Amino acid sequence: MHDFKSDLAEGRQPRPGLRVKGIKGAPGIFELTWAPDGRATWSYGGERFEGEPHIIWRRIGTHDIFKNP
């Protein structure tokens, strides 16, 4: 996840291998896929440290996490 945070901190889109996209019907919540059944949902929080993105991890697991992102 270090690469993910680095990409966001530098203002880049997360690298393609991580497959990040918004979740339809859940504004402000994003999906991160890193393996065939490795999923996480997350959102941005208010800045805590200047210049660093504040990521709030919501659910981490398999495809089942989408029942309640």
PDB file of N, CA and C in Angstrom:
ATOM      1  N   MET A   1       0.809  -1.198   0.000  1.00  0.00           N
ATOM      2  CA  MET A   1       0.000   0.000   0.000  1.00  0.00           C
ATOM      3  C   MET A   1       0.856   1.268   0.000  1.00  0.00           C
ATOM      4  N   HIS A   2       2.141   1.108   0.242  1.00  0.00           N
ATOM      5  CA  HIS A   2       3.028   2.267   0.211  1.00  0.00           C
ATOM      6  C   HIS A   2       2.976   2.954  -1.159  1.00  0.00           C
ATOM      7  N   ASP A   3       2.981   2.161  -2.234  1.00  0.00           N
ATOM      8  CA  ASP A   3       2.928   2.741  -3.582  1.00  0.00           C
ATOM      9  C   ASP A   3       1.635   3.510  -3.791  1.00  0.00           C
ATOM     10  N   PHE A   4       0.543   2.997  -3.276  1.00  0.00           N
ATOM     11  CA  PHE A   4      -0.765   3.648  -3.387  1.00  0.00           C
ATOM     12  C   PHE A   4      -0.721   5.026  -2.725  1.00  0.00           C
ATOM     13  N   LYS A   5      -0.226   5.084  -1.511  1.00  0.00           N
ATOM     14  CA  LYS A   5      -0.147   6.354  -0.793  1.00  0.00           C
ATOM     15  C   LYS A   5       0.814   7.321  -1.488  1.00  0.00           C
ATOM     16  N   SER A   6       1.919   6.809  -1.976  1.00  0.00           N
ATOM     17  CA  SER A   6       2.880   7.660  -2.688  1.00  0.00           C
ATOM     18  C   SER A   6       2.254   8.273  -3.936  1.00  0.00           C
ATOM     19  N   ASP A   7       1.517   7.464  -4.686  1.00  0.00           N
ATOM     20  CA  ASP A   7       0.858   7.973  -5.891  1.00  0.00           C
ATOM     21  C   ASP A   7      -0.085   9.119  -5.535  1.00  0.00           C
ATOM     22  N   LEU A   8      -0.905   8.943  -4.515  1.00  0.00           N
ATOM     23  CA  LEU A   8      -1.853   9.981  -4.120  1.00  0.00           C
ATOM     24  C   LEU A   8      -1.137  11.227  -3.609  1.00  0.00           C
ATOM     25  N   ALA A   9      -0.088  11.043  -2.811  1.00  0.00           N
ATOM     26  CA  ALA A   9       0.642  12.180  -2.256  1.00  0.00           C
ATOM     27  C   ALA A   9       1.293  13.016  -3.344  1.00  0.00           C
ATOM     28  N   GLU A  10       1.685  12.382  -4.435  1.00  0.00           N
ATOM     29  CA  GLU A  10       2.333  13.090  -5.534  1.00  0.00           C
ATOM     30  C   GLU A  10       1.331  13.579  -6.572  1.00  0.00           C
ATOM     31  N   GLY A  11       0.029  13.414  -6.278  1.00  0.00           N
ATOM     32  CA  GLY A  11      -1.007  13.918  -7.169  1.00  0.00           C
ATOM     33  C   GLY A  11      -1.228  13.078  -8.406  1.00  0.00           C
ATOM     34  N   ARG A  12      -0.718  11.853  -8.391  1.00  0.00           N
ATOM     35  CA  ARG A  12      -0.905  10.947  -9.543  1.00  0.00           C
ATOM     36  C   ARG A  12      -2.094  10.029  -9.284  1.00  0.00           C
ATOM     37  N   GLN A  13      -2.643   9.517 -10.367  1.00  0.00           N
ATOM     38  CA  GLN A  13      -3.629   8.455 -10.243  1.00  0.00           C
ATOM     39  C   GLN A  13      -2.904   7.219  -9.719  1.00  0.00           C
ATOM     40  N   PRO A  14      -3.564   6.402  -8.909  1.00  0.00           N
ATOM     41  CA  PRO A  14      -2.914   5.167  -8.452  1.00  0.00           C
ATOM     42  C   PRO A  14      -2.506   4.304  -9.641  1.00  0.00           C
ATOM     43  N   ARG A  15      -1.380   3.622  -9.504  1.00  0.00           N
ATOM     44  CA  ARG A  15      -0.873   2.806 -10.613  1.00  0.00           C
ATOM     45  C   ARG A  15      -1.927   1.805 -11.080  1.00  0.00           C
ATOM     46  N   PRO A  16      -1.953   1.505 -12.382  1.00  0.00           N
ATOM     47  CA  PRO A  16      -3.009   0.678 -12.964  1.00  0.00           C
ATOM     48  C   PRO A  16      -3.167  -0.699 -12.329  1.00  0.00           C
ATOM     49  N   GLY A  17      -2.110  -1.300 -11.855  1.00  0.00           N
ATOM     50  CA  GLY A  17      -2.208  -2.625 -11.249  1.00  0.00           C
ATOM     51  C   GLY A  17      -3.100  -2.664 -10.022  1.00  0.00           C
ATOM     52  N   LEU A  18      -3.375  -1.491  -9.423  1.00  0.00           N
ATOM     53  CA  LEU A  18      -4.216  -1.451  -8.227  1.00  0.00           C
ATOM     54  C   LEU A  18      -5.701  -1.295  -8.550  1.00  0.00           C
ATOM     55  N   ARG A  19      -6.028  -0.883  -9.741  1.00  0.00           N
ATOM     56  CA  ARG A  19      -7.406  -0.758 -10.206  1.00  0.00           C
ATOM     57  C   ARG A  19      -8.304  -0.045  -9.185  1.00  0.00           C
ATOM     58  N   VAL A  20      -8.238   1.267  -9.199  1.00  0.00           N
ATOM     59  CA  VAL A  20      -9.030   2.116  -8.302  1.00  0.00           C
ATOM     60  C   VAL A  20     -10.172   2.746  -9.079  1.00  0.00           C
ATOM     61  N   LYS A  21     -11.377   2.712  -8.505  1.00  0.00           N
ATOM     62  CA  LYS A  21     -12.524   3.381  -9.124  1.00  0.00           C
ATOM     63  C   LYS A  21     -13.553   3.699  -8.048  1.00  0.00           C
ATOM     64  N   GLY A  22     -14.443   4.637  -8.367  1.00  0.00           N
ATOM     65  CA  GLY A  22     -15.520   4.986  -7.448  1.00  0.00           C
ATOM     66  C   GLY A  22     -16.569   3.888  -7.410  1.00  0.00           C
ATOM     67  N   ILE A  23     -17.298   3.827  -6.302  1.00  0.00           N
ATOM     68  CA  ILE A  23     -18.355   2.833  -6.165  1.00  0.00           C
ATOM     69  C   ILE A  23     -19.686   3.489  -6.523  1.00  0.00           C
ATOM     70  N   LYS A  24     -20.365   2.909  -7.508  1.00  0.00           N
ATOM     71  CA  LYS A  24     -21.649   3.425  -7.965  1.00  0.00           C
ATOM     72  C   LYS A  24     -22.658   3.385  -6.812  1.00  0.00           C
ATOM     73  N   GLY A  25     -23.348   4.485  -6.584  1.00  0.00           N
ATOM     74  CA  GLY A  25     -24.357   4.554  -5.527  1.00  0.00           C
ATOM     75  C   GLY A  25     -23.789   4.855  -4.151  1.00  0.00           C
ATOM     76  N   ALA A  26     -22.482   5.065  -4.054  1.00  0.00           N
ATOM     77  CA  ALA A  26     -21.845   5.378  -2.767  1.00  0.00           C
ATOM     78  C   ALA A  26     -20.868   6.537  -2.996  1.00  0.00           C
ATOM     79  N   PRO A  27     -21.370   7.768  -3.119  1.00  0.00           N
ATOM     80  CA  PRO A  27     -20.501   8.910  -3.407  1.00  0.00           C
ATOM     81  C   PRO A  27     -19.367   9.064  -2.385  1.00  0.00           C
ATOM     82  N   GLY A  28     -18.162   9.332  -2.890  1.00  0.00           N
ATOM     83  CA  GLY A  28     -17.019   9.558  -2.005  1.00  0.00           C
ATOM     84  C   GLY A  28     -16.344   8.301  -1.505  1.00  0.00           C
ATOM     85  N   ILE A  29     -16.855   7.116  -1.911  1.00  0.00           N
ATOM     86  CA  ILE A  29     -16.246   5.850  -1.504  1.00  0.00           C
ATOM     87  C   ILE A  29     -15.649   5.210  -2.749  1.00  0.00           C
ATOM     88  N   PHE A  30     -14.423   4.714  -2.609  1.00  0.00           N
ATOM     89  CA  PHE A  30     -13.695   4.142  -3.730  1.00  0.00           C
ATOM     90  C   PHE A  30     -13.361   2.689  -3.465  1.00  0.00           C
ATOM     91  N   GLU A  31     -13.151   1.963  -4.556  1.00  0.00           N
ATOM     92  CA  GLU A  31     -12.778   0.554  -4.517  1.00  0.00           C
ATOM     93  C   GLU A  31     -11.329   0.423  -4.955  1.00  0.00           C
ATOM     94  N   LEU A  32     -10.577  -0.430  -4.296  1.00  0.00           N
ATOM     95  CA  LEU A  32      -9.203  -0.753  -4.662  1.00  0.00           C
ATOM     96  C   LEU A  32      -9.148  -2.264  -4.835  1.00  0.00           C
ATOM     97  N   THR A  33      -8.720  -2.723  -6.008  1.00  0.00           N
ATOM     98  CA  THR A  33      -8.582  -4.154  -6.281  1.00  0.00           C
ATOM     99  C   THR A  33      -7.117  -4.436  -6.543  1.00  0.00           C
ATOM    100  N   TRP A  34      -6.559  -5.402  -5.835  1.00  0.00           N
ATOM    101  CA  TRP A  34      -5.138  -5.702  -6.024  1.00  0.00           C
ATOM    102  C   TRP A  34      -4.878  -7.165  -6.374  1.00  0.00           C
ATOM    103  N   ALA A  35      -5.908  -8.014  -6.327  1.00  0.00           N
ATOM    104  CA  ALA A  35      -5.768  -9.436  -6.642  1.00  0.00           C
ATOM    105  C   ALA A  35      -7.110  -9.937  -7.173  1.00  0.00           C
ATOM    106  N   PRO A  36      -7.181 -11.147  -7.718  1.00  0.00           N
ATOM    107  CA  PRO A  36      -8.460 -11.625  -8.246  1.00  0.00           C
ATOM    108  C   PRO A  36      -9.625 -11.496  -7.260  1.00  0.00           C
ATOM    109  N   ASP A  37      -9.404 -11.734  -5.989  1.00  0.00           N
ATOM    110  CA  ASP A  37     -10.468 -11.528  -5.004  1.00  0.00           C
ATOM    111  C   ASP A  37      -9.954 -10.731  -3.802  1.00  0.00           C
ATOM    112  N   GLY A  38      -9.045  -9.804  -4.037  1.00  0.00           N
ATOM    113  CA  GLY A  38      -8.533  -8.908  -2.998  1.00  0.00           C
ATOM    114  C   GLY A  38      -9.112  -7.530  -3.219  1.00  0.00           C
ATOM    115  N   ARG A  39      -9.967  -7.085  -2.310  1.00  0.00           N
ATOM    116  CA  ARG A  39     -10.671  -5.818  -2.472  1.00  0.00           C
ATOM    117  C   ARG A  39     -10.592  -4.997  -1.183  1.00  0.00           C
ATOM    118  N   ALA A  40     -10.675  -3.687  -1.357  1.00  0.00           N
ATOM    119  CA  ALA A  40     -10.780  -2.782  -0.214  1.00  0.00           C
ATOM    120  C   ALA A  40     -11.646  -1.602  -0.633  1.00  0.00           C
ATOM    121  N   THR A  41     -12.365  -1.034   0.316  1.00  0.00           N
ATOM    122  CA  THR A  41     -13.064   0.221   0.065  1.00  0.00           C
ATOM    123  C   THR A  41     -12.459   1.266   0.982  1.00  0.00           C
ATOM    124  N   TRP A  42     -12.443   2.516   0.489  1.00  0.00           N
ATOM    125  CA  TRP A  42     -11.799   3.597   1.228  1.00  0.00           C
ATOM    126  C   TRP A  42     -12.416   4.924   0.824  1.00  0.00           C
ATOM    127  N   SER A  43     -12.134   5.924   1.632  1.00  0.00           N
ATOM    128  CA  SER A  43     -12.560   7.292   1.327  1.00  0.00           C
ATOM    129  C   SER A  43     -11.463   8.233   1.815  1.00  0.00           C
ATOM    130  N   TYR A  44     -11.548   9.469   1.363  1.00  0.00           N
ATOM    131  CA  TYR A  44     -10.610  10.491   1.831  1.00  0.00           C
ATOM    132  C   TYR A  44     -11.140  11.095   3.121  1.00  0.00           C
ATOM    133  N   GLY A  45     -10.247  11.353   4.051  1.00  0.00           N
ATOM    134  CA  GLY A  45     -10.591  12.080   5.265  1.00  0.00           C
ATOM    135  C   GLY A  45      -9.965  13.464   5.193  1.00  0.00           C
ATOM    136  N   GLY A  46     -10.288  14.300   6.157  1.00  0.00           N
ATOM    137  CA  GLY A  46      -9.682  15.622   6.230  1.00  0.00           C
ATOM    138  C   GLY A  46      -8.183  15.521   6.447  1.00  0.00           C
ATOM    139  N   GLU A  47      -7.439  16.467   5.913  1.00  0.00           N
ATOM    140  CA  GLU A  47      -5.980  16.438   6.011  1.00  0.00           C
ATOM    141  C   GLU A  47      -5.538  16.440   7.474  1.00  0.00           C
ATOM    142  N   ARG A  48      -4.672  15.504   7.811  1.00  0.00           N
ATOM    143  CA  ARG A  48      -4.137  15.404   9.168  1.00  0.00           C
ATOM    144  C   ARG A  48      -2.691  15.864   9.229  1.00  0.00           C
ATOM    145  N   PHE A  49      -1.933  15.578   8.162  1.00  0.00           N
ATOM    146  CA  PHE A  49      -0.544  15.992   8.052  1.00  0.00           C
ATOM    147  C   PHE A  49      -0.410  16.738   6.734  1.00  0.00           C
ATOM    148  N   GLU A  50       0.125  17.931   6.776  1.00  0.00           N
ATOM    149  CA  GLU A  50       0.197  18.787   5.600  1.00  0.00           C
ATOM    150  C   GLU A  50       0.821  18.068   4.406  1.00  0.00           C
ATOM    151  N   GLY A  51       0.097  18.115   3.294  1.00  0.00           N
ATOM    152  CA  GLY A  51       0.585  17.535   2.055  1.00  0.00           C
ATOM    153  C   GLY A  51       0.440  16.036   1.925  1.00  0.00           C
ATOM    154  N   GLU A  52      -0.113  15.357   2.926  1.00  0.00           N
ATOM    155  CA  GLU A  52      -0.288  13.906   2.860  1.00  0.00           C
ATOM    156  C   GLU A  52      -1.766  13.573   2.776  1.00  0.00           C
ATOM    157  N   PRO A  53      -2.144  12.687   1.850  1.00  0.00           N
ATOM    158  CA  PRO A  53      -3.552  12.292   1.780  1.00  0.00           C
ATOM    159  C   PRO A  53      -3.940  11.512   3.030  1.00  0.00           C
ATOM    160  N   HIS A  54      -5.138  11.734   3.506  1.00  0.00           N
ATOM    161  CA  HIS A  54      -5.649  10.988   4.652  1.00  0.00           C
ATOM    162  C   HIS A  54      -6.646   9.972   4.118  1.00  0.00           C
ATOM    163  N   ILE A  55      -6.267   8.715   4.136  1.00  0.00           N
ATOM    164  CA  ILE A  55      -7.095   7.626   3.625  1.00  0.00           C
ATOM    165  C   ILE A  55      -7.786   6.942   4.806  1.00  0.00           C
ATOM    166  N   ILE A  56      -9.077   6.769   4.691  1.00  0.00           N
ATOM    167  CA  ILE A  56      -9.847   6.030   5.696  1.00  0.00           C
ATOM    168  C   ILE A  56     -10.211   4.685   5.075  1.00  0.00           C
ATOM    169  N   TRP A  57      -9.616   3.622   5.587  1.00  0.00           N
ATOM    170  CA  TRP A  57      -9.919   2.278   5.093  1.00  0.00           C
ATOM    171  C   TRP A  57     -11.239   1.852   5.702  1.00  0.00           C
ATOM    172  N   ARG A  58     -12.173   1.422   4.870  1.00  0.00           N
ATOM    173  CA  ARG A  58     -13.514   1.074   5.318  1.00  0.00           C
ATOM    174  C   ARG A  58     -13.693  -0.436   5.459  1.00  0.00           C
ATOM    175  N   ARG A  59     -13.457  -1.159   4.393  1.00  0.00           N
ATOM    176  CA  ARG A  59     -13.581  -2.616   4.395  1.00  0.00           C
ATOM    177  C   ARG A  59     -12.409  -3.184   3.606  1.00  0.00           C
ATOM    178  N   ILE A  60     -11.862  -4.294   4.071  1.00  0.00           N
ATOM    179  CA  ILE A  60     -10.781  -4.978   3.365  1.00  0.00           C
ATOM    180  C   ILE A  60     -11.100  -6.465   3.393  1.00  0.00           C
ATOM    181  N   GLY A  61     -11.033  -7.114   2.225  1.00  0.00           N
ATOM    182  CA  GLY A  61     -11.325  -8.537   2.171  1.00  0.00           C
ATOM    183  C   GLY A  61     -11.571  -9.014   0.756  1.00  0.00           C
ATOM    184  N   THR A  62     -12.633  -9.806   0.587  1.00  0.00           N
ATOM    185  CA  THR A  62     -12.986 -10.365  -0.717  1.00  0.00           C
ATOM    186  C   THR A  62     -14.125  -9.548  -1.329  1.00  0.00           C
ATOM    187  N   HIS A  63     -14.660 -10.030  -2.423  1.00  0.00           N
ATOM    188  CA  HIS A  63     -15.748  -9.349  -3.120  1.00  0.00           C
ATOM    189  C   HIS A  63     -16.954  -9.130  -2.194  1.00  0.00           C
ATOM    190  N   ASP A  64     -17.095  -9.891  -1.155  1.00  0.00           N
ATOM    191  CA  ASP A  64     -18.218  -9.768  -0.215  1.00  0.00           C
ATOM    192  C   ASP A  64     -18.271  -8.407   0.489  1.00  0.00           C
ATOM    193  N   ILE A  65     -17.187  -7.661   0.509  1.00  0.00           N
ATOM    194  CA  ILE A  65     -17.194  -6.360   1.193  1.00  0.00           C
ATOM    195  C   ILE A  65     -18.151  -5.372   0.547  1.00  0.00           C
ATOM    196  N   PHE A  66     -18.549  -5.625  -0.709  1.00  0.00           N
ATOM    197  CA  PHE A  66     -19.418  -4.678  -1.405  1.00  0.00           C
ATOM    198  C   PHE A  66     -20.858  -4.740  -0.936  1.00  0.00           C
ATOM    199  N   LYS A  67     -21.196  -5.691  -0.099  1.00  0.00           N
ATOM    200  CA  LYS A  67     -22.553  -5.731   0.455  1.00  0.00           C
ATOM    201  C   LYS A  67     -22.822  -4.512   1.327  1.00  0.00           C
ATOM    202  N   ASN A  68     -21.763  -3.958   1.935  1.00  0.00           N
ATOM    203  CA  ASN A  68     -21.869  -2.755   2.757  1.00  0.00           C
ATOM    204  C   ASN A  68     -20.542  -2.008   2.672  1.00  0.00           C
ATOM    205  N   PRO A  69     -20.335  -1.222   1.557  1.00  0.00           N
ATOM    206  CA  PRO A  69     -19.015  -0.624   1.332  1.00  0.00           C
ATOM    207  C   PRO A  69     -18.635   0.360   2.419  1.00  0.00           C
TER     208      PRO A  69
END
